Amino acid sequence: MMRLFALLALAFCVAAPLAAQNDGGVDAPFANEQLSDPAQETAARDLMYEIRCVQCQSQSIADSDAPIAGAMRSEVRSRIAAGQSADDVRGYLIQRYGDYITYDPPVSPLTWPLWFAPILIIGFGIWLAWGRFKR
C-alpha cells in the first residue's frame, strides 16, 4: 500500500509540471505576423513599443513573450489594419487595461502622487539638509 502511494505521488510530481508547461504560442491571428501594408505595420510597431505588457510590467508588448502581450499585439495590428489611428487604439487599450499600460501616464488626481511625490521628497530632503547645515 505504501509503495502504491509513493508511486502515485511520484507520478503526480512528474505529471504536474508537464501539464503546467505552455508552448508559448498565442492563438491570436496578428500576434507574430506583420501587416501587409508597411505604413500600417510601422504605425502598429511604434504603438506596440509605447504600450507596457500587463504581465511582464517592465517590457513593452513588442518585446514581451507573454501570451497576453501576444493578444495585445494582435489587437493593435487588427485595429490598425481596420483603419483606426494609433491614438484611437491607444485610447481603447487604456480604457480596457487602465493608465498603467502606457509609459507616459496622464496627469490626473489618481496619478498626482506618481508625478509630484519625487518633487516633494527632494524638497523635504533639501529642507532637512538646510536645517542640518544651519546649526
Protein backbone atom coordinates (compact mmCIF):
# COMPACT_ATOMS: atom_id res chain seq x y z
CA MET A 1 0.00 0.00 0.00
CA MET A 2 2.82 2.36 0.89
CA ARG A 3 4.57 1.60 -2.42
CA LEU A 4 1.39 2.37 -4.34
CA PHE A 5 1.06 5.70 -2.53
CA ALA A 6 4.71 6.55 -3.23
CA LEU A 7 4.30 5.60 -6.89
CA LEU A 8 1.20 7.79 -7.23
CA ALA A 9 2.95 10.70 -5.52
CA LEU A 10 5.94 10.34 -7.84
CA ALA A 11 3.66 10.17 -10.89
CA PHE A 12 1.89 13.34 -9.76
CA CYS A 13 5.21 15.13 -9.21
CA VAL A 14 6.23 14.30 -12.77
CA ALA A 15 2.86 14.91 -14.42
CA ALA A 16 2.05 18.26 -12.79
CA PRO A 17 5.00 20.20 -14.28
CA LEU A 18 4.35 18.66 -17.69
CA ALA A 19 0.72 19.72 -17.58
CA ALA A 20 1.66 23.22 -16.47
CA GLN A 21 4.02 23.86 -19.36
CA ASN A 22 2.88 26.28 -22.01
CA ASP A 23 4.20 26.17 -25.55
CA GLY A 24 4.28 29.99 -25.59
CA GLY A 25 2.06 30.12 -28.63
CA VAL A 26 -0.72 32.63 -28.92
CA ASP A 27 -3.97 31.90 -30.73
CA ALA A 28 -4.23 35.50 -31.93
CA PRO A 29 -4.08 36.00 -35.71
CA PHE A 30 -1.75 39.02 -35.82
CA ALA A 31 0.34 38.32 -32.72
CA ASN A 32 3.51 37.44 -34.62
CA GLU A 33 2.56 38.26 -38.21
CA GLN A 34 3.29 41.58 -39.84
CA LEU A 35 0.66 43.57 -41.67
CA SER A 36 0.88 43.63 -45.46
CA ASP A 37 0.90 47.45 -45.61
CA PRO A 38 4.33 48.74 -44.46
CA ALA A 39 2.89 52.06 -43.24
CA GLN A 40 0.31 50.31 -41.08
CA GLU A 41 2.92 47.89 -39.74
CA THR A 42 5.19 50.82 -38.82
CA ALA A 43 2.33 52.56 -37.01
CA ALA A 44 1.41 49.34 -35.20
CA ARG A 45 5.02 48.60 -34.24
CA ASP A 46 5.57 52.16 -32.95
CA LEU A 47 2.46 51.85 -30.81
CA MET A 48 3.50 48.42 -29.52
CA TYR A 49 6.74 49.91 -28.17
CA GLU A 50 4.70 52.54 -26.26
CA ILE A 51 2.38 50.04 -24.53
CA ARG A 52 3.52 48.15 -21.43
CA CYS A 53 2.83 44.43 -21.03
CA VAL A 54 0.42 43.90 -18.14
CA GLN A 55 2.08 40.62 -17.17
CA CYS A 56 5.78 41.47 -17.53
CA GLN A 57 5.38 45.07 -16.32
CA SER A 58 8.85 46.11 -17.45
CA GLN A 59 8.64 45.25 -21.14
CA SER A 60 6.64 46.65 -23.98
CA ILE A 61 4.20 44.36 -25.73
CA ALA A 62 6.57 44.34 -28.71
CA ASP A 63 9.35 42.83 -26.58
CA SER A 64 7.32 40.52 -24.34
CA ASP A 65 6.73 36.81 -24.98
CA ALA A 66 3.78 36.62 -22.58
CA PRO A 67 0.51 35.31 -24.04
CA ILE A 68 -1.35 38.49 -23.02
CA ALA A 69 1.25 40.57 -24.90
CA GLY A 70 0.63 38.46 -28.00
CA ALA A 71 -3.09 39.07 -27.68
CA MET A 72 -2.47 42.80 -27.26
CA ARG A 73 -0.16 42.85 -30.33
CA SER A 74 -2.87 41.10 -32.31
CA GLU A 75 -5.44 43.63 -31.11
CA VAL A 76 -3.19 46.55 -32.09
CA ARG A 77 -2.48 45.14 -35.55
CA SER A 78 -6.09 44.20 -36.27
CA ARG A 79 -7.36 47.65 -35.24
CA ILE A 80 -4.65 49.43 -37.25
CA ALA A 81 -5.48 47.19 -40.24
CA ALA A 82 -9.16 48.13 -39.83
CA GLY A 83 -8.20 51.79 -40.29
CA GLN A 84 -8.14 53.10 -36.72
CA SER A 85 -5.47 55.62 -35.82
CA ALA A 86 -2.74 54.86 -33.30
CA ASP A 87 -4.32 57.35 -30.86
CA ASP A 88 -7.68 55.58 -31.12
CA VAL A 89 -6.07 52.20 -30.46
CA ARG A 90 -4.05 53.63 -27.54
CA GLY A 91 -7.26 55.10 -26.10
CA TYR A 92 -9.02 51.75 -26.43
CA LEU A 93 -6.17 49.91 -24.68
CA ILE A 94 -6.02 52.50 -21.87
CA GLN A 95 -9.78 52.24 -21.43
CA ARG A 96 -9.56 48.45 -21.29
CA TYR A 97 -6.40 48.00 -19.17
CA GLY A 98 -6.02 51.35 -17.39
CA ASP A 99 -3.42 54.13 -17.44
CA TYR A 100 -0.76 51.73 -16.20
CA ILE A 101 -0.14 50.23 -19.64
CA THR A 102 1.25 53.46 -21.07
CA TYR A 103 4.80 54.50 -20.29
CA ASP A 104 3.62 58.13 -20.12
CA PRO A 105 0.53 58.20 -17.89
CA PRO A 106 -1.57 61.39 -17.95
CA VAL A 107 -1.63 63.78 -15.01
CA SER A 108 -4.89 63.19 -13.14
CA PRO A 109 -5.91 63.14 -9.48
CA LEU A 110 -5.20 59.42 -9.47
CA THR A 111 -1.63 59.88 -10.76
CA TRP A 112 -0.70 63.03 -8.81
CA PRO A 113 1.43 61.06 -6.32
CA LEU A 114 3.31 59.48 -9.21
CA TRP A 115 4.15 62.87 -10.69
CA PHE A 116 4.59 65.06 -7.61
CA ALA A 117 5.91 62.73 -4.89
CA PRO A 118 9.51 62.86 -6.21
CA ILE A 119 9.42 66.66 -6.13
CA LEU A 120 8.06 66.66 -2.57
CA ILE A 121 10.63 64.10 -1.40
CA ILE A 122 13.51 66.08 -2.92
CA GLY A 123 12.15 69.29 -1.40
CA PHE A 124 11.85 67.62 2.02
CA GLY A 125 15.44 66.35 1.71
CA ILE A 126 16.71 69.84 0.86
CA TRP A 127 14.76 71.27 3.80
CA LEU A 128 16.29 68.68 6.16
CA ALA A 129 19.79 69.30 4.81
CA TRP A 130 19.33 73.05 5.11
CA GLY A 131 18.31 72.69 8.76
CA ARG A 132 21.21 70.33 9.48
CA PHE A 133 23.84 72.63 7.96
CA LYS A 134 22.38 75.76 9.56
CA ARG A 135 23.26 74.53 13.05
